[in-house]
């Protein structure tokens, strides 16, 4: 289920609805998830392991998988520099 609100409706929501989680407390369902940080800190490895957990239905670093196996697209894009 995808929720859609106008700006005016969004401002009147109290409390916000609890998100549907892919991984409990870590990755909400629906939308994009970006991993940002300095170089050489393990973002690529973390992302690959996260994609594997979601695609196999496994838990991830103690966060319970809420959906079971999913089709996952993992895109790695580096900025020049």
Protein backbone atom coordinates (compact mmCIF):
# COMPACT_ATOMS: atom_id res chain seq x y z
CA UNK A 1 0.00 0.00 0.00
CA UNK A 2 1.35 3.41 -0.96
CA UNK A 3 0.13 6.48 0.90
CA UNK A 4 -0.13 9.78 -0.93
CA UNK A 5 -0.88 13.14 0.69
CA UNK A 6 -1.08 16.75 -0.42
CA UNK A 7 1.20 19.20 1.40
CA UNK A 8 -1.79 20.55 3.36
CA UNK A 9 -2.89 17.03 4.38
CA UNK A 10 0.66 16.10 5.36
CA UNK A 11 0.88 19.08 7.73
CA UNK A 12 -2.30 17.98 9.54
CA UNK A 13 -1.22 14.37 10.15
CA UNK A 14 -0.59 13.68 13.83
CA UNK A 15 1.00 11.31 14.46
CA UNK A 16 2.48 10.21 11.17
CA UNK A 17 1.45 6.68 10.19
CA UNK A 18 3.97 3.99 11.08
CA UNK A 19 5.89 3.07 7.93
CA UNK A 20 5.79 -0.41 6.49
CA UNK A 21 9.30 -1.72 7.04
CA UNK A 22 11.42 -3.84 4.74
CA UNK A 23 13.88 -4.33 7.57
CA UNK A 24 12.43 -3.48 10.98
CA UNK A 25 13.69 -0.06 12.11
CA UNK A 26 16.31 0.23 9.36
CA UNK A 27 14.84 0.37 5.84
CA UNK A 28 11.27 1.61 5.29
CA UNK A 29 9.28 0.19 2.40
CA UNK A 30 8.50 2.21 -0.70
CA UNK A 31 10.81 4.80 -2.19
CA UNK A 32 14.56 5.02 -2.44
CA UNK A 33 17.31 4.32 0.06
CA UNK A 34 20.63 6.11 -0.37
CA UNK A 35 23.85 5.19 1.41
CA UNK A 36 26.02 8.27 1.70
CA UNK A 37 29.37 8.73 3.37
CA UNK A 38 33.07 9.29 2.84
CA UNK A 39 35.08 6.97 0.62
CA UNK A 40 36.43 3.64 1.80
CA UNK A 41 34.09 3.21 4.78
CA UNK A 42 32.23 0.14 3.46
CA UNK A 43 29.14 1.57 1.75
CA UNK A 44 29.45 -0.76 -1.26
CA UNK A 45 29.87 -3.87 0.86
CA UNK A 46 27.01 -2.79 3.15
CA UNK A 47 24.77 -2.17 0.12
CA UNK A 48 25.60 -5.51 -1.48
CA UNK A 49 24.95 -7.36 1.78
CA UNK A 50 21.70 -5.44 2.26
CA UNK A 51 20.56 -6.31 -1.27
CA UNK A 52 21.39 -9.97 -0.63
CA UNK A 53 19.40 -10.03 2.63
CA UNK A 54 16.36 -8.44 0.99
CA UNK A 55 16.52 -10.72 -2.06
CA UNK A 56 16.79 -13.89 0.05
CA UNK A 57 14.40 -12.90 2.84
CA UNK A 58 17.12 -13.07 5.50
CA UNK A 59 17.43 -10.79 8.52
CA UNK A 60 20.17 -8.16 8.33
CA UNK A 61 22.43 -7.27 11.27
CA UNK A 62 19.68 -8.06 13.76
CA UNK A 63 16.93 -6.22 11.85
CA UNK A 64 14.04 -8.55 11.10
CA UNK A 65 13.11 -8.94 7.44
CA UNK A 66 9.44 -7.93 7.26
CA UNK A 67 8.68 -8.93 3.66
CA UNK A 68 10.35 -12.19 2.76
CA UNK A 69 12.33 -12.47 -0.47
CA UNK A 70 12.06 -9.48 -2.81
CA UNK A 71 13.24 -8.63 -6.28
CA UNK A 72 16.09 -6.19 -5.72
CA UNK A 73 17.97 -3.84 -8.02
CA UNK A 74 21.34 -2.79 -6.62
CA UNK A 75 22.88 0.23 -8.34
CA UNK A 76 26.30 1.53 -7.39
CA UNK A 77 27.22 4.95 -8.73
CA UNK A 78 30.39 6.77 -7.76
CA UNK A 79 30.86 10.49 -8.19
CA UNK A 80 33.98 11.73 -9.93
CA UNK A 81 36.68 12.89 -7.66
